Amino acid sequence: MLSERVEGISEQAARILAELRHPVRMPILLALEERPRSASEMAEDLGEAFDRVNHAMRALSAAGLIELVRQEPAGSAPNLLRRVYGSRYQGWHTLVQTLEAIVATGADERTQPA
């Protein structure tokens, strides 16, 4: 287990970090922090393929990071339901800012002469 190897990180936090490895998942979380969306809306908003976004949203839902907030009839197929998801947690923007600050600090150290 990761938490056994790295002191100070819970197993849940380690699982969340593992879920964020896929490049489209963080943009989804950031967008859902603003407002709930369906997979088709998200794909359009992010300029990504629907299948890729739908798969990522299902994985985020299974991981407990996003949740179904409502189901409504799909506009083009009223006998199908469109699932709308929202973020279960707030603070994804802060996490990104922190990660960017860490990266910037590391970049500054690497560019300085020894």
Protein backbone atom coordinates (compact mmCIF):
# COMPACT_ATOMS: atom_id res chain seq x y z
CA MET A 1 0.00 0.00 0.00
CA LEU A 2 1.20 3.48 -0.84
CA SER A 3 0.28 4.93 2.57
CA GLU A 4 2.53 2.36 4.23
CA ARG A 5 5.48 3.47 2.07
CA VAL A 6 4.88 7.21 2.31
CA GLU A 7 4.34 8.49 5.82
CA GLY A 8 1.79 11.25 6.15
CA ILE A 9 -0.50 10.36 3.23
CA SER A 10 -3.73 8.49 3.78
CA GLU A 11 -4.77 5.62 1.55
CA GLN A 12 -7.75 7.71 0.40
CA ALA A 13 -5.50 10.63 -0.58
CA ALA A 14 -3.20 8.24 -2.43
CA ARG A 15 -6.19 6.80 -4.33
CA ILE A 16 -7.34 10.31 -5.30
CA LEU A 17 -3.88 11.14 -6.65
CA ALA A 18 -3.88 7.89 -8.62
CA GLU A 19 -7.26 8.78 -10.16
CA LEU A 20 -5.86 12.11 -11.37
CA ARG A 21 -3.18 10.48 -13.54
CA HIS A 22 -5.44 10.51 -16.61
CA PRO A 23 -4.95 13.88 -18.36
CA VAL A 24 -8.66 14.68 -18.85
CA ARG A 25 -9.76 14.01 -15.26
CA MET A 26 -8.45 17.18 -13.60
CA PRO A 27 -10.04 19.43 -16.24
CA ILE A 28 -13.32 17.59 -15.60
CA LEU A 29 -13.05 18.19 -11.85
CA LEU A 30 -12.22 21.86 -12.40
CA ALA A 31 -15.20 22.29 -14.72
CA LEU A 32 -17.60 20.46 -12.39
CA GLU A 33 -16.51 22.69 -9.54
CA GLU A 34 -18.03 25.57 -11.54
CA ARG A 35 -21.32 23.81 -12.37
CA PRO A 36 -22.76 20.32 -12.96
CA ARG A 37 -22.56 18.91 -16.48
CA SER A 38 -23.37 15.80 -18.48
CA ALA A 39 -20.64 13.88 -20.29
CA SER A 40 -21.76 15.32 -23.63
CA GLU A 41 -21.66 18.90 -22.28
CA MET A 42 -18.27 18.23 -20.73
CA ALA A 43 -16.87 16.79 -23.96
CA GLU A 44 -18.03 19.86 -25.85
CA ASP A 45 -16.73 22.29 -23.20
CA LEU A 46 -13.31 20.59 -23.08
CA GLY A 47 -13.04 19.93 -26.82
CA GLU A 48 -12.48 16.23 -26.13
CA ALA A 49 -14.03 13.09 -27.60
CA PHE A 50 -17.25 12.03 -25.88
CA ASP A 51 -16.03 8.47 -25.29
CA ARG A 52 -12.87 9.70 -23.56
CA VAL A 53 -14.79 12.11 -21.31
CA ASN A 54 -17.58 9.63 -20.58
CA HIS A 55 -15.02 6.99 -19.54
CA ALA A 56 -13.19 9.50 -17.32
CA MET A 57 -16.41 10.67 -15.69
CA ARG A 58 -17.47 7.09 -14.96
CA ALA A 59 -14.07 6.44 -13.35
CA LEU A 60 -14.31 9.63 -11.28
CA SER A 61 -17.81 8.64 -10.18
CA ALA A 62 -16.66 5.13 -9.23
CA ALA A 63 -13.82 6.71 -7.23
CA GLY A 64 -16.33 8.89 -5.36
CA LEU A 65 -14.94 12.19 -6.65
CA ILE A 66 -18.03 13.20 -8.60
CA GLU A 67 -21.67 12.32 -8.08
CA LEU A 68 -24.87 12.11 -10.07
CA VAL A 69 -26.91 15.22 -9.29
CA ARG A 70 -29.84 14.60 -11.64
CA GLN A 71 -31.11 12.64 -14.60
CA GLU A 72 -33.17 14.27 -17.30
CA PRO A 73 -34.51 13.31 -20.71
CA ALA A 74 -31.89 13.63 -23.44
CA GLY A 75 -32.89 16.32 -25.92
CA SER A 76 -32.30 14.30 -29.08
CA ALA A 77 -33.60 11.01 -27.62
CA PRO A 78 -36.30 11.74 -25.04
CA ASN A 79 -36.61 8.06 -24.07
CA LEU A 80 -32.95 8.12 -22.94
CA LEU A 81 -31.76 9.78 -19.75
CA ARG A 82 -28.92 12.26 -19.66
CA ARG A 83 -26.87 11.97 -16.47
CA VAL A 84 -25.63 15.22 -14.97
CA TYR A 85 -22.70 15.06 -12.56
CA GLY A 86 -21.28 17.48 -10.02
CA SER A 87 -18.12 17.55 -7.96
CA ARG A 88 -18.35 16.02 -4.48
CA TYR A 89 -15.48 18.21 -3.26
CA GLN A 90 -14.38 21.80 -3.66
CA GLY A 91 -10.79 22.99 -3.86
CA TRP A 92 -9.54 21.49 -7.12
CA HIS A 93 -8.40 24.93 -8.30
CA THR A 94 -6.36 25.31 -5.10
CA LEU A 95 -4.78 21.90 -5.68
CA VAL A 96 -3.79 22.90 -9.22
CA GLN A 97 -2.32 26.20 -7.98
CA THR A 98 -0.31 24.35 -5.35
CA LEU A 99 1.00 21.83 -7.89
CA GLU A 100 1.91 24.64 -10.29
CA ALA A 101 3.79 26.43 -7.47
CA ILE A 102 5.71 23.24 -6.71
CA VAL A 103 6.60 22.83 -10.38
CA ALA A 104 7.68 26.48 -10.65
CA THR A 105 9.89 26.18 -7.57
CA GLY A 106 11.54 23.06 -8.94
CA ALA A 107 12.06 24.70 -12.32
CA ASP A 108 13.71 27.71 -10.67
CA GLU A 109 16.12 25.47 -8.75
CA ARG A 110 17.06 23.48 -11.88
CA THR A 111 17.82 26.61 -13.91
CA GLN A 112 20.13 28.20 -11.34
CA PRO A 113 23.88 27.58 -11.78
CA ALA A 114 25.48 25.27 -9.21
